[in-house]
Amino acid sequence: MSMSCAEAEPQWPRRRKEANMAHYISSFISPLGMILIEILDGENNPVLTLTTEVMTGHVAVYHGDRIWRVKADPNWSLGDTALALFDLAHEADLPDDLRTLGLAALQNSLTKLCARLASATA
């Protein structure tokens, strides 16, 4: 029995302390294309956010008071949306350590979601 992406459970937010103990990662990815990756400081304040803005139809990267946005196509798959966020984070003027951490969190969350979807359809 096969399961569509719409029927699969979303990956619920999770927080974990990174090895350097300076940042936490909060992530949410749904098979429907919603993405929220936040890198939080030790006091749970966001220092980097990679997200989809459903109401405005954009993908965006937030760092401090700066925002980088690009218009999203409503026909994009989850992979297309993630790739747009990945490209946008590379173009944004971010500290290298935060960029690396944000992109690793995005990749890790997508890998876990894909594994869950694959096991649900097996």
PDB file of N, CA and C in Angstrom:
ATOM      1  N   MET A   1       0.850  -1.177   0.000  1.00  0.00           N
ATOM      2  CA  MET A   1       0.000   0.000   0.000  1.00  0.00           C
ATOM      3  C   MET A   1       0.891   1.233   0.000  1.00  0.00           C
ATOM      4  N   SER A   2       0.676   2.094  -0.946  1.00  0.00           N
ATOM      5  CA  SER A   2       1.528   3.280  -1.043  1.00  0.00           C
ATOM      6  C   SER A   2       0.874   4.463  -0.342  1.00  0.00           C
ATOM      7  N   MET A   3       1.724   5.343   0.164  1.00  0.00           N
ATOM      8  CA  MET A   3       1.245   6.514   0.907  1.00  0.00           C
ATOM      9  C   MET A   3       1.738   7.758   0.188  1.00  0.00           C
ATOM     10  N   SER A   4       0.838   8.698  -0.047  1.00  0.00           N
ATOM     11  CA  SER A   4       1.251   9.945  -0.686  1.00  0.00           C
ATOM     12  C   SER A   4       1.900  10.859   0.344  1.00  0.00           C
ATOM     13  N   CYS A   5       2.593  11.869  -0.163  1.00  0.00           N
ATOM     14  CA  CYS A   5       3.223  12.835   0.742  1.00  0.00           C
ATOM     15  C   CYS A   5       2.186  13.521   1.621  1.00  0.00           C
ATOM     16  N   ALA A   6       0.994  13.751   1.087  1.00  0.00           N
ATOM     17  CA  ALA A   6      -0.041  14.434   1.857  1.00  0.00           C
ATOM     18  C   ALA A   6      -0.500  13.599   3.046  1.00  0.00           C
ATOM     19  N   GLU A   7      -0.377  12.276   2.942  1.00  0.00           N
ATOM     20  CA  GLU A   7      -0.820  11.408   4.027  1.00  0.00           C
ATOM     21  C   GLU A   7       0.265  11.159   5.067  1.00  0.00           C
ATOM     22  N   ALA A   8       1.502  11.445   4.710  1.00  0.00           N
ATOM     23  CA  ALA A   8       2.611  11.175   5.632  1.00  0.00           C
ATOM     24  C   ALA A   8       2.601  12.180   6.776  1.00  0.00           C
ATOM     25  N   GLU A   9       3.078  11.749   7.913  1.00  0.00           N
ATOM     26  CA  GLU A   9       3.150  12.642   9.071  1.00  0.00           C
ATOM     27  C   GLU A   9       4.263  13.662   8.878  1.00  0.00           C
ATOM     28  N   PRO A  10       4.058  14.908   9.329  1.00  0.00           N
ATOM     29  CA  PRO A  10       5.145  15.892   9.253  1.00  0.00           C
ATOM     30  C   PRO A  10       6.223  15.581  10.286  1.00  0.00           C
ATOM     31  N   GLN A  11       7.391  16.104  10.029  1.00  0.00           N
ATOM     32  CA  GLN A  11       8.469  15.977  11.010  1.00  0.00           C
ATOM     33  C   GLN A  11       8.251  17.072  12.036  1.00  0.00           C
ATOM     34  N   TRP A  12       7.929  16.715  13.261  1.00  0.00           N
ATOM     35  CA  TRP A  12       7.597  17.687  14.295  1.00  0.00           C
ATOM     36  C   TRP A  12       8.835  18.399  14.791  1.00  0.00           C
ATOM     37  N   PRO A  13       8.651  19.595  15.323  1.00  0.00           N
ATOM     38  CA  PRO A  13       9.799  20.363  15.800  1.00  0.00           C
ATOM     39  C   PRO A  13      10.618  19.572  16.810  1.00  0.00           C
ATOM     40  N   ARG A  14      11.899  19.705  16.693  1.00  0.00           N
ATOM     41  CA  ARG A  14      12.771  19.069  17.671  1.00  0.00           C
ATOM     42  C   ARG A  14      13.939  19.987  17.923  1.00  0.00           C
ATOM     43  N   ARG A  15      14.424  19.958  19.116  1.00  0.00           N
ATOM     44  CA  ARG A  15      15.562  20.784  19.495  1.00  0.00           C
ATOM     45  C   ARG A  15      16.647  19.887  20.018  1.00  0.00           C
ATOM     46  N   ARG A  16      17.849  20.200  19.632  1.00  0.00           N
ATOM     47  CA  ARG A  16      18.963  19.439  20.177  1.00  0.00           C
ATOM     48  C   ARG A  16      20.141  20.360  20.341  1.00  0.00           C
ATOM     49  N   LYS A  17      20.915  20.099  21.347  1.00  0.00           N
ATOM     50  CA  LYS A  17      22.075  20.916  21.630  1.00  0.00           C
ATOM     51  C   LYS A  17      23.212  20.460  20.719  1.00  0.00           C
ATOM     52  N   GLU A  18      23.841  21.391  20.064  1.00  0.00           N
ATOM     53  CA  GLU A  18      24.964  21.066  19.195  1.00  0.00           C
ATOM     54  C   GLU A  18      26.222  20.817  20.014  1.00  0.00           C
ATOM     55  N   ALA A  19      27.190  20.197  19.395  1.00  0.00           N
ATOM     56  CA  ALA A  19      28.427  19.815  20.082  1.00  0.00           C
ATOM     57  C   ALA A  19      29.152  21.014  20.683  1.00  0.00           C
ATOM     58  N   ASN A  20      29.066  22.174  20.017  1.00  0.00           N
ATOM     59  CA  ASN A  20      29.776  23.340  20.539  1.00  0.00           C
ATOM     60  C   ASN A  20      29.013  24.029  21.669  1.00  0.00           C
ATOM     61  N   MET A  21      27.828  23.553  21.980  1.00  0.00           N
ATOM     62  CA  MET A  21      26.989  24.050  23.069  1.00  0.00           C
ATOM     63  C   MET A  21      26.594  25.521  22.908  1.00  0.00           C
ATOM     64  N   ALA A  22      26.907  26.139  21.780  1.00  0.00           N
ATOM     65  CA  ALA A  22      26.586  27.547  21.584  1.00  0.00           C
ATOM     66  C   ALA A  22      25.241  27.742  20.883  1.00  0.00           C
ATOM     67  N   HIS A  23      24.789  26.759  20.127  1.00  0.00           N
ATOM     68  CA  HIS A  23      23.562  26.892  19.353  1.00  0.00           C
ATOM     69  C   HIS A  23      22.681  25.657  19.506  1.00  0.00           C
ATOM     70  N   TYR A  24      21.386  25.881  19.320  1.00  0.00           N
ATOM     71  CA  TYR A  24      20.400  24.810  19.265  1.00  0.00           C
ATOM     72  C   TYR A  24      19.770  24.846  17.881  1.00  0.00           C
ATOM     73  N   ILE A  25      19.252  23.723  17.439  1.00  0.00           N
ATOM     74  CA  ILE A  25      18.549  23.666  16.166  1.00  0.00           C
ATOM     75  C   ILE A  25      17.101  23.302  16.436  1.00  0.00           C
ATOM     76  N   SER A  26      16.198  24.087  15.889  1.00  0.00           N
ATOM     77  CA  SER A  26      14.775  23.783  15.930  1.00  0.00           C
ATOM     78  C   SER A  26      14.343  23.600  14.485  1.00  0.00           C
ATOM     79  N   SER A  27      13.709  22.465  14.172  1.00  0.00           N
ATOM     80  CA  SER A  27      13.349  22.226  12.779  1.00  0.00           C
ATOM     81  C   SER A  27      11.955  21.644  12.642  1.00  0.00           C
ATOM     82  N   PHE A  28      11.307  22.015  11.552  1.00  0.00           N
ATOM     83  CA  PHE A  28      10.012  21.466  11.171  1.00  0.00           C
ATOM     84  C   PHE A  28       9.999  21.390   9.655  1.00  0.00           C
ATOM     85  N   ILE A  29       9.716  20.212   9.129  1.00  0.00           N
ATOM     86  CA  ILE A  29       9.554  20.044   7.685  1.00  0.00           C
ATOM     87  C   ILE A  29       8.341  19.158   7.468  1.00  0.00           C
ATOM     88  N   SER A  30       7.427  19.617   6.619  1.00  0.00           N
ATOM     89  CA  SER A  30       6.261  18.805   6.289  1.00  0.00           C
ATOM     90  C   SER A  30       6.395  18.334   4.847  1.00  0.00           C
ATOM     91  N   PRO A  31       5.859  17.164   4.536  1.00  0.00           N
ATOM     92  CA  PRO A  31       5.893  16.678   3.151  1.00  0.00           C
ATOM     93  C   PRO A  31       5.159  17.606   2.190  1.00  0.00           C
ATOM     94  N   LEU A  32       4.340  18.495   2.723  1.00  0.00           N
ATOM     95  CA  LEU A  32       3.590  19.424   1.879  1.00  0.00           C
ATOM     96  C   LEU A  32       4.410  20.640   1.468  1.00  0.00           C
ATOM     97  N   GLY A  33       5.655  20.730   1.927  1.00  0.00           N
ATOM     98  CA  GLY A  33       6.530  21.804   1.490  1.00  0.00           C
ATOM     99  C   GLY A  33       6.793  22.899   2.498  1.00  0.00           C
ATOM    100  N   MET A  34       6.254  22.788   3.695  1.00  0.00           N
ATOM    101  CA  MET A  34       6.537  23.801   4.713  1.00  0.00           C
ATOM    102  C   MET A  34       7.854  23.463   5.405  1.00  0.00           C
ATOM    103  N   ILE A  35       8.715  24.461   5.498  1.00  0.00           N
ATOM    104  CA  ILE A  35      10.036  24.274   6.103  1.00  0.00           C
ATOM    105  C   ILE A  35      10.284  25.404   7.095  1.00  0.00           C
ATOM    106  N   LEU A  36      10.769  25.038   8.269  1.00  0.00           N
ATOM    107  CA  LEU A  36      11.223  26.023   9.249  1.00  0.00           C
ATOM    108  C   LEU A  36      12.435  25.438   9.959  1.00  0.00           C
ATOM    109  N   ILE A  37      13.589  26.021   9.698  1.00  0.00           N
ATOM    110  CA  ILE A  37      14.830  25.644  10.368  1.00  0.00           C
ATOM    111  C   ILE A  37      15.301  26.885  11.113  1.00  0.00           C
ATOM    112  N   GLU A  38      15.463  26.771  12.421  1.00  0.00           N
ATOM    113  CA  GLU A  38      15.959  27.893  13.218  1.00  0.00           C
ATOM    114  C   GLU A  38      17.211  27.472  13.963  1.00  0.00           C
ATOM    115  N   ILE A  39      18.212  28.324  13.899  1.00  0.00           N
ATOM    116  CA  ILE A  39      19.409  28.171  14.713  1.00  0.00           C
ATOM    117  C   ILE A  39      19.233  29.160  15.863  1.00  0.00           C
ATOM    118  N   LEU A  40      19.211  28.631  17.079  1.00  0.00           N
ATOM    119  CA  LEU A  40      18.945  29.441  18.267  1.00  0.00           C
ATOM    120  C   LEU A  40      20.199  29.569  19.109  1.00  0.00           C
ATOM    121  N   ASP A  41      20.352  30.723  19.751  1.00  0.00           N
ATOM    122  CA  ASP A  41      21.485  30.885  20.665  1.00  0.00           C
ATOM    123  C   ASP A  41      21.153  30.204  21.993  1.00  0.00           C
ATOM    124  N   GLY A  42      22.038  30.305  22.954  1.00  0.00           N
ATOM    125  CA  GLY A  42      21.857  29.650  24.246  1.00  0.00           C
ATOM    126  C   GLY A  42      20.640  30.116  25.020  1.00  0.00           C
ATOM    127  N   GLU A  43      20.084  31.267  24.647  1.00  0.00           N
ATOM    128  CA  GLU A  43      18.896  31.795  25.322  1.00  0.00           C
ATOM    129  C   GLU A  43      17.638  31.612  24.474  1.00  0.00           C
ATOM    130  N   ASN A  44      17.706  30.714  23.489  1.00  0.00           N
ATOM    131  CA  ASN A  44      16.594  30.392  22.585  1.00  0.00           C
ATOM    132  C   ASN A  44      16.152  31.554  21.703  1.00  0.00           C
ATOM    133  N   ASN A  45      17.056  32.477  21.392  1.00  0.00           N
ATOM    134  CA  ASN A  45      16.779  33.556  20.451  1.00  0.00           C
ATOM    135  C   ASN A  45      17.258  33.120  19.072  1.00  0.00           C
ATOM    136  N   PRO A  46      16.423  33.290  18.032  1.00  0.00           N
ATOM    137  CA  PRO A  46      16.859  32.881  16.699  1.00  0.00           C
ATOM    138  C   PRO A  46      18.004  33.759  16.186  1.00  0.00           C
ATOM    139  N   VAL A  47      19.056  33.121  15.697  1.00  0.00           N
ATOM    140  CA  VAL A  47      20.165  33.847  15.079  1.00  0.00           C
ATOM    141  C   VAL A  47      20.193  33.605  13.571  1.00  0.00           C
ATOM    142  N   LEU A  48      19.523  32.543  13.115  1.00  0.00           N
ATOM    143  CA  LEU A  48      19.397  32.258  11.688  1.00  0.00           C
ATOM    144  C   LEU A  48      18.118  31.462  11.486  1.00  0.00           C
ATOM    145  N   THR A  49      17.331  31.862  10.482  1.00  0.00           N
ATOM    146  CA  THR A  49      16.099  31.147  10.155  1.00  0.00           C
ATOM    147  C   THR A  49      16.060  30.900   8.657  1.00  0.00           C
ATOM    148  N   LEU A  50      15.798  29.657   8.274  1.00  0.00           N
ATOM    149  CA  LEU A  50      15.548  29.272   6.883  1.00  0.00           C
ATOM    150  C   LEU A  50      14.094  28.813   6.856  1.00  0.00           C
ATOM    151  N   THR A  51      13.253  29.437   6.014  1.00  0.00           N
ATOM    152  CA  THR A  51      11.826  29.127   6.108  1.00  0.00           C
ATOM    153  C   THR A  51      11.077  29.335   4.799  1.00  0.00           C
ATOM    154  N   THR A  52       9.909  28.736   4.737  1.00  0.00           N
ATOM    155  CA  THR A  52       8.942  29.043   3.691  1.00  0.00           C
ATOM    156  C   THR A  52       7.946  30.018   4.297  1.00  0.00           C
ATOM    157  N   GLU A  53       7.571  31.005   3.526  1.00  0.00           N
ATOM    158  CA  GLU A  53       6.557  31.973   3.958  1.00  0.00           C
ATOM    159  C   GLU A  53       5.293  31.668   3.160  1.00  0.00           C
ATOM    160  N   VAL A  54       4.446  30.853   3.734  1.00  0.00           N
ATOM    161  CA  VAL A  54       3.275  30.348   3.034  1.00  0.00           C
ATOM    162  C   VAL A  54       2.340  31.478   2.604  1.00  0.00           C
ATOM    163  N   MET A  55       2.124  32.437   3.468  1.00  0.00           N
ATOM    164  CA  MET A  55       1.171  33.510   3.163  1.00  0.00           C
ATOM    165  C   MET A  55       1.642  34.426   2.030  1.00  0.00           C
ATOM    166  N   THR A  56       2.953  34.622   1.906  1.00  0.00           N
ATOM    167  CA  THR A  56       3.456  35.518   0.861  1.00  0.00           C
ATOM    168  C   THR A  56       4.005  34.765  -0.347  1.00  0.00           C
ATOM    169  N   GLY A  57       4.162  33.446  -0.234  1.00  0.00           N
ATOM    170  CA  GLY A  57       4.661  32.654  -1.345  1.00  0.00           C
ATOM    171  C   GLY A  57       6.148  32.820  -1.603  1.00  0.00           C
ATOM    172  N   HIS A  58       6.930  32.968  -0.546  1.00  0.00           N
ATOM    173  CA  HIS A  58       8.378  33.123  -0.667  1.00  0.00           C
ATOM    174  C   HIS A  58       9.108  32.052   0.137  1.00  0.00           C
ATOM    175  N   VAL A  59      10.369  31.857  -0.192  1.00  0.00           N
ATOM    176  CA  VAL A  59      11.298  31.198   0.720  1.00  0.00           C
ATOM    177  C   VAL A  59      12.209  32.309   1.215  1.00  0.00           C
ATOM    178  N   ALA A  60      12.648  32.199   2.466  1.00  0.00           N
ATOM    179  CA  ALA A  60      13.385  33.316   3.053  1.00  0.00           C
ATOM    180  C   ALA A  60      14.450  32.835   4.019  1.00  0.00           C
ATOM    181  N   VAL A  61      15.479  33.671   4.135  1.00  0.00           N
ATOM    182  CA  VAL A  61      16.546  33.482   5.114  1.00  0.00           C
ATOM    183  C   VAL A  61      16.575  34.749   5.960  1.00  0.00           C
ATOM    184  N   TYR A  62      16.507  34.580   7.277  1.00  0.00           N
ATOM    185  CA  TYR A  62      16.552  35.692   8.225  1.00  0.00           C
ATOM    186  C   TYR A  62      17.824  35.584   9.052  1.00  0.00           C
ATOM    187  N   HIS A  63      18.524  36.700   9.198  1.00  0.00           N
ATOM    188  CA  HIS A  63      19.690  36.777  10.084  1.00  0.00           C
ATOM    189  C   HIS A  63      19.724  38.181  10.669  1.00  0.00           C
ATOM    190  N   GLY A  64      19.535  38.262  11.984  1.00  0.00           N
ATOM    191  CA  GLY A  64      19.470  39.577  12.621  1.00  0.00           C
ATOM    192  C   GLY A  64      18.303  40.354  12.059  1.00  0.00           C
ATOM    193  N   ASP A  65      18.549  41.589  11.609  1.00  0.00           N
ATOM    194  CA  ASP A  65      17.479  42.397  11.033  1.00  0.00           C
ATOM    195  C   ASP A  65      17.479  42.333   9.507  1.00  0.00           C
ATOM    196  N   ARG A  66      18.209  41.368   8.947  1.00  0.00           N
ATOM    197  CA  ARG A  66      18.299  41.242   7.491  1.00  0.00           C
ATOM    198  C   ARG A  66      17.467  40.061   7.008  1.00  0.00           C
ATOM    199  N   ILE A  67      16.855  40.237   5.831  1.00  0.00           N
ATOM    200  CA  ILE A  67      16.022  39.195   5.232  1.00  0.00           C
ATOM    201  C   ILE A  67      16.394  39.062   3.756  1.00  0.00           C
ATOM    202  N   TRP A  68      16.568  37.830   3.318  1.00  0.00           N
ATOM    203  CA  TRP A  68      16.759  37.521   1.904  1.00  0.00           C
ATOM    204  C   TRP A  68      15.567  36.669   1.495  1.00  0.00           C
ATOM    205  N   ARG A  69      14.886  37.067   0.398  1.00  0.00           N
ATOM    206  CA  ARG A  69      13.691  36.352  -0.056  1.00  0.00           C
ATOM    207  C   ARG A  69      13.763  36.096  -1.550  1.00  0.00           C
ATOM    208  N   VAL A  70      13.098  35.029  -1.937  1.00  0.00           N
ATOM    209  CA  VAL A  70      12.906  34.756  -3.351  1.00  0.00           C
ATOM    210  C   VAL A  70      11.494  34.178  -3.510  1.00  0.00           C
ATOM    211  N   LYS A  71      10.826  34.556  -4.585  1.00  0.00           N
ATOM    212  CA  LYS A  71       9.462  34.086  -4.836  1.00  0.00           C
ATOM    213  C   LYS A  71       9.483  32.587  -5.109  1.00  0.00           C
ATOM    214  N   ALA A  72       8.581  31.880  -4.481  1.00  0.00           N
ATOM    215  CA  ALA A  72       8.461  30.437  -4.671  1.00  0.00           C
ATOM    216  C   ALA A  72       7.361  30.144  -5.689  1.00  0.00           C
ATOM    217  N   ASP A  73       7.554  29.103  -6.443  1.00  0.00           N
ATOM    218  CA  ASP A  73       6.547  28.649  -7.395  1.00  0.00           C
ATOM    219  C   ASP A  73       5.599  27.704  -6.653  1.00  0.00           C
ATOM    220  N   PRO A  74       4.288  27.912  -6.747  1.00  0.00           N
ATOM    221  CA  PRO A  74       3.359  27.034  -6.026  1.00  0.00           C
ATOM    222  C   PRO A  74       3.425  25.579  -6.485  1.00  0.00           C
ATOM    223  N   ASN A  75       4.015  25.331  -7.643  1.00  0.00           N
ATOM    224  CA  ASN A  75       4.134  23.964  -8.153  1.00  0.00           C
ATOM    225  C   ASN A  75       5.426  23.275  -7.730  1.00  0.00           C
ATOM    226  N   TRP A  76       6.262  23.963  -6.958  1.00  0.00           N
ATOM    227  CA  TRP A  76       7.514  23.359  -6.510  1.00  0.00           C
ATOM    228  C   TRP A  76       7.251  22.165  -5.609  1.00  0.00           C
ATOM    229  N   SER A  77       8.100  21.164  -5.753  1.00  0.00           N
ATOM    230  CA  SER A  77       8.083  20.029  -4.832  1.00  0.00           C
ATOM    231  C   SER A  77       8.835  20.435  -3.562  1.00  0.00           C
ATOM    232  N   LEU A  78       8.803  19.574  -2.569  1.00  0.00           N
ATOM    233  CA  LEU A  78       9.573  19.824  -1.348  1.00  0.00           C
ATOM    234  C   LEU A  78      11.057  19.954  -1.685  1.00  0.00           C
ATOM    235  N   GLY A  79      11.546  19.124  -2.599  1.00  0.00           N
ATOM    236  CA  GLY A  79      12.952  19.194  -3.005  1.00  0.00           C
ATOM    237  C   GLY A  79      13.293  20.517  -3.675  1.00  0.00           C
ATOM    238  N   ASP A  80      12.401  21.010  -4.540  1.00  0.00           N
ATOM    239  CA  ASP A  80      12.619  22.305  -5.196  1.00  0.00           C
ATOM    240  C   ASP A  80      12.671  23.436  -4.168  1.00  0.00           C
ATOM    241  N   THR A  81      11.768  23.374  -3.198  1.00  0.00           N
ATOM    242  CA  THR A  81      11.721  24.392  -2.148  1.00  0.00           C
ATOM    243  C   THR A  81      12.998  24.365  -1.319  1.00  0.00           C
ATOM    244  N   ALA A  82      13.431  23.166  -0.940  1.00  0.00           N
ATOM    245  CA  ALA A  82      14.662  23.032  -0.156  1.00  0.00           C
ATOM    246  C   ALA A  82      15.866  23.530  -0.950  1.00  0.00           C
ATOM    247  N   LEU A  83      15.908  23.220  -2.239  1.00  0.00           N
ATOM    248  CA  LEU A  83      17.019  23.681  -3.077  1.00  0.00           C
ATOM    249  C   LEU A  83      17.033  25.207  -3.174  1.00  0.00           C
ATOM    250  N   ALA A  84      15.865  25.828  -3.281  1.00  0.00           N
ATOM    251  CA  ALA A  84      15.796  27.294  -3.312  1.00  0.00           C
ATOM    252  C   ALA A  84      16.319  27.883  -2.004  1.00  0.00           C
ATOM    253  N   LEU A  85      15.963  27.271  -0.870  1.00  0.00           N
ATOM    254  CA  LEU A  85      16.482  27.735   0.425  1.00  0.00           C
ATOM    255  C   LEU A  85      17.987  27.546   0.508  1.00  0.00           C
ATOM    256  N   PHE A  86      18.461  26.413   0.022  1.00  0.00           N
ATOM    257  CA  PHE A  86      19.894  26.121   0.020  1.00  0.00           C
ATOM    258  C   PHE A  86      20.648  27.188  -0.784  1.00  0.00           C
ATOM    259  N   ASP A  87      20.164  27.477  -1.997  1.00  0.00           N
ATOM    260  CA  ASP A  87      20.798  28.491  -2.850  1.00  0.00           C
ATOM    261  C   ASP A  87      20.740  29.879  -2.211  1.00  0.00           C
ATOM    262  N   LEU A  88      19.597  30.210  -1.635  1.00  0.00           N
ATOM    263  CA  LEU A  88      19.432  31.518  -1.008  1.00  0.00           C
ATOM    264  C   LEU A  88      20.377  31.687   0.177  1.00  0.00           C
ATOM    265  N   ALA A  89      20.542  30.645   0.974  1.00  0.00           N
ATOM    266  CA  ALA A  89      21.464  30.709   2.115  1.00  0.00           C
ATOM    267  C   ALA A  89      22.903  30.883   1.645  1.00  0.00           C
ATOM    268  N   HIS A  90      23.242  30.308   0.488  1.00  0.00           N
ATOM    269  CA  HIS A  90      24.590  30.497  -0.058  1.00  0.00           C
ATOM    270  C   HIS A  90      24.798  31.924  -0.549  1.00  0.00           C
ATOM    271  N   GLU A  91      23.761  32.534  -1.091  1.00  0.00           N
ATOM    272  CA  GLU A  91      23.867  33.900  -1.606  1.00  0.00           C
ATOM    273  C   GLU A  91      23.823  34.952  -0.499  1.00  0.00           C
ATOM    274  N   ALA A  92      23.190  34.634   0.615  1.00  0.00           N
ATOM    275  CA  ALA A  92      23.027  35.595   1.713  1.00  0.00           C
ATOM    276  C   ALA A  92      24.367  35.898   2.374  1.00  0.00           C
ATOM    277  N   ASP A  93      24.476  37.102   2.884  1.00  0.00           N
ATOM    278  CA  ASP A  93      25.681  37.536   3.592  1.00  0.00           C
ATOM    279  C   ASP A  93      25.593  37.049   5.037  1.00  0.00           C
ATOM    280  N   LEU A  94      26.026  35.807   5.255  1.00  0.00           N
ATOM    281  CA  LEU A  94      25.940  35.164   6.567  1.00  0.00           C
ATOM    282  C   LEU A  94      27.326  34.790   7.060  1.00  0.00           C
ATOM    283  N   PRO A  95      27.513  34.724   8.373  1.00  0.00           N
ATOM    284  CA  PRO A  95      28.762  34.161   8.897  1.00  0.00           C
ATOM    285  C   PRO A  95      28.869  32.696   8.458  1.00  0.00           C
ATOM    286  N   ASP A  96      30.066  32.285   8.070  1.00  0.00           N
ATOM    287  CA  ASP A  96      30.258  30.929   7.549  1.00  0.00           C
ATOM    288  C   ASP A  96      29.794  29.845   8.512  1.00  0.00           C
ATOM    289  N   ASP A  97      30.034  30.030   9.820  1.00  0.00           N
ATOM    290  CA  ASP A  97      29.643  28.984  10.768  1.00  0.00           C
ATOM    291  C   ASP A  97      28.125  28.832  10.832  1.00  0.00           C
ATOM    292  N   LEU A  98      27.386  29.936  10.790  1.00  0.00           N
ATOM    293  CA  LEU A  98      25.923  29.847  10.808  1.00  0.00           C
ATOM    294  C   LEU A  98      25.388  29.274   9.508  1.00  0.00           C
ATOM    295  N   ARG A  99      25.962  29.681   8.376  1.00  0.00           N
ATOM    296  CA  ARG A  99      25.541  29.137   7.087  1.00  0.00           C
ATOM    297  C   ARG A  99      25.728  27.624   7.077  1.00  0.00           C
ATOM    298  N   THR A 100      26.903  27.175   7.506  1.00  0.00           N
ATOM    299  CA  THR A 100      27.194  25.742   7.526  1.00  0.00           C
ATOM    300  C   THR A 100      26.226  25.002   8.436  1.00  0.00           C
ATOM    301  N   LEU A 101      25.979  25.537   9.613  1.00  0.00           N
ATOM    302  CA  LEU A 101      25.071  24.907  10.569  1.00  0.00           C
ATOM    303  C   LEU A 101      23.638  24.880  10.033  1.00  0.00           C
ATOM    304  N   GLY A 102      23.186  25.977   9.444  1.00  0.00           N
ATOM    305  CA  GLY A 102      21.833  26.033   8.891  1.00  0.00           C
ATOM    306  C   GLY A 102      21.631  25.067   7.743  1.00  0.00           C
ATOM    307  N   LEU A 103      22.605  25.003   6.838  1.00  0.00           N
ATOM    308  CA  LEU A 103      22.484  24.095   5.701  1.00  0.00           C
ATOM    309  C   LEU A 103      22.574  22.640   6.132  1.00  0.00           C
ATOM    310  N   ALA A 104      23.421  22.358   7.116  1.00  0.00           N
ATOM    311  CA  ALA A 104      23.512  20.991   7.640  1.00  0.00           C
ATOM    312  C   ALA A 104      22.195  20.591   8.307  1.00  0.00           C
ATOM    313  N   ALA A 105      21.580  21.512   9.039  1.00  0.00           N
ATOM    314  CA  ALA A 105      20.293  21.225   9.684  1.00  0.00           C
ATOM    315  C   ALA A 105      19.207  20.973   8.645  1.00  0.00           C
ATOM    316  N   LEU A 106      19.203  21.758   7.573  1.00  0.00           N
ATOM    317  CA  LEU A 106      18.239  21.565   6.495  1.00  0.00           C
ATOM    318  C   LEU A 106      18.436  20.202   5.842  1.00  0.00           C
ATOM    319  N   GLN A 107      19.672  19.873   5.517  1.00  0.00           N
ATOM    320  CA  GLN A 107      19.968  18.589   4.882  1.00  0.00           C
ATOM    321  C   GLN A 107      19.611  17.421   5.801  1.00  0.00           C
ATOM    322  N   ASN A 108      19.957  17.523   7.068  1.00  0.00           N
ATOM    323  CA  ASN A 108      19.670  16.459   8.022  1.00  0.00           C
ATOM    324  C   ASN A 108      18.159  16.247   8.177  1.00  0.00           C
ATOM    325  N   SER A 109      17.409  17.326   8.273  1.00  0.00           N
ATOM    326  CA  SER A 109      15.956  17.219   8.419  1.00  0.00           C
ATOM    327  C   SER A 109      15.315  16.602   7.181  1.00  0.00           C
ATOM    328  N   LEU A 110      15.782  16.995   5.999  1.00  0.00           N
ATOM    329  CA  LEU A 110      15.252  16.418   4.762  1.00  0.00           C
ATOM    330  C   LEU A 110      15.584  14.938   4.651  1.00  0.00           C
ATOM    331  N   THR A 111      16.800  14.565   5.035  1.00  0.00           N
ATOM    332  CA  THR A 111      17.210  13.163   4.984  1.00  0.00           C
ATOM    333  C   THR A 111      16.324  12.316   5.890  1.00  0.00           C
ATOM    334  N   LYS A 112      16.057  12.807   7.096  1.00  0.00           N
ATOM    335  CA  LYS A 112      15.200  12.068   8.030  1.00  0.00           C
ATOM    336  C   LYS A 112      13.774  11.949   7.497  1.00  0.00           C
ATOM    337  N   LEU A 113      13.252  13.025   6.912  1.00  0.00           N
ATOM    338  CA  LEU A 113      11.900  12.979   6.366  1.00  0.00           C
ATOM    339  C   LEU A 113      11.828  11.993   5.206  1.00  0.00           C
ATOM    340  N   CYS A 114      12.809  12.016   4.315  1.00  0.00           N
ATOM    341  CA  CYS A 114      12.830  11.089   3.175  1.00  0.00           C
ATOM    342  C   CYS A 114      12.898   9.641   3.645  1.00  0.00           C
ATOM    343  N   ALA A 115      13.685   9.386   4.672  1.00  0.00           N
ATOM    344  CA  ALA A 115      13.786   8.022   5.208  1.00  0.00           C
ATOM    345  C   ALA A 115      12.440   7.576   5.776  1.00  0.00           C
ATOM    346  N   ARG A 116      11.751   8.475   6.468  1.00  0.00           N
ATOM    347  CA  ARG A 116      10.436   8.135   7.021  1.00  0.00           C
ATOM    348  C   ARG A 116       9.423   7.889   5.917  1.00  0.00           C
ATOM    349  N   LEU A 117       9.467   8.707   4.863  1.00  0.00           N
ATOM    350  CA  LEU A 117       8.536   8.514   3.752  1.00  0.00           C
ATOM    351  C   LEU A 117       8.818   7.207   3.029  1.00  0.00           C
ATOM    352  N   ALA A 118      10.099   6.887   2.855  1.00  0.00           N
ATOM    353  CA  ALA A 118      10.473   5.639   2.181  1.00  0.00           C
ATOM    354  C   ALA A 118      10.010   4.427   2.983  1.00  0.00           C
ATOM    355  N   SER A 119      10.169   4.474   4.292  1.00  0.00           N
ATOM    356  CA  SER A 119       9.750   3.331   5.109  1.00  0.00           C
ATOM    357  C   SER A 119       8.224   3.228   5.158  1.00  0.00           C
ATOM    358  N   ALA A 120       7.530   4.346   5.020  1.00  0.00           N
ATOM    359  CA  ALA A 120       6.068   4.320   5.031  1.00  0.00           C
ATOM    360  C   ALA A 120       5.508   3.726   3.743  1.00  0.00           C
ATOM    361  N   THR A 121       6.260   3.846   2.655  1.00  0.00           N
ATOM    362  CA  THR A 121       5.784   3.325   1.372  1.00  0.00           C
ATOM    363  C   THR A 121       6.320   1.934   1.083  1.00  0.00           C
ATOM    364  N   ALA A 122       7.219   1.429   1.923  1.00  0.00           N
ATOM    365  CA  ALA A 122       7.803   0.095   1.680  1.00  0.00           C
ATOM    366  C   ALA A 122       6.845  -1.006   2.060  1.00  0.00           C
TER     367      ALA A 122
END
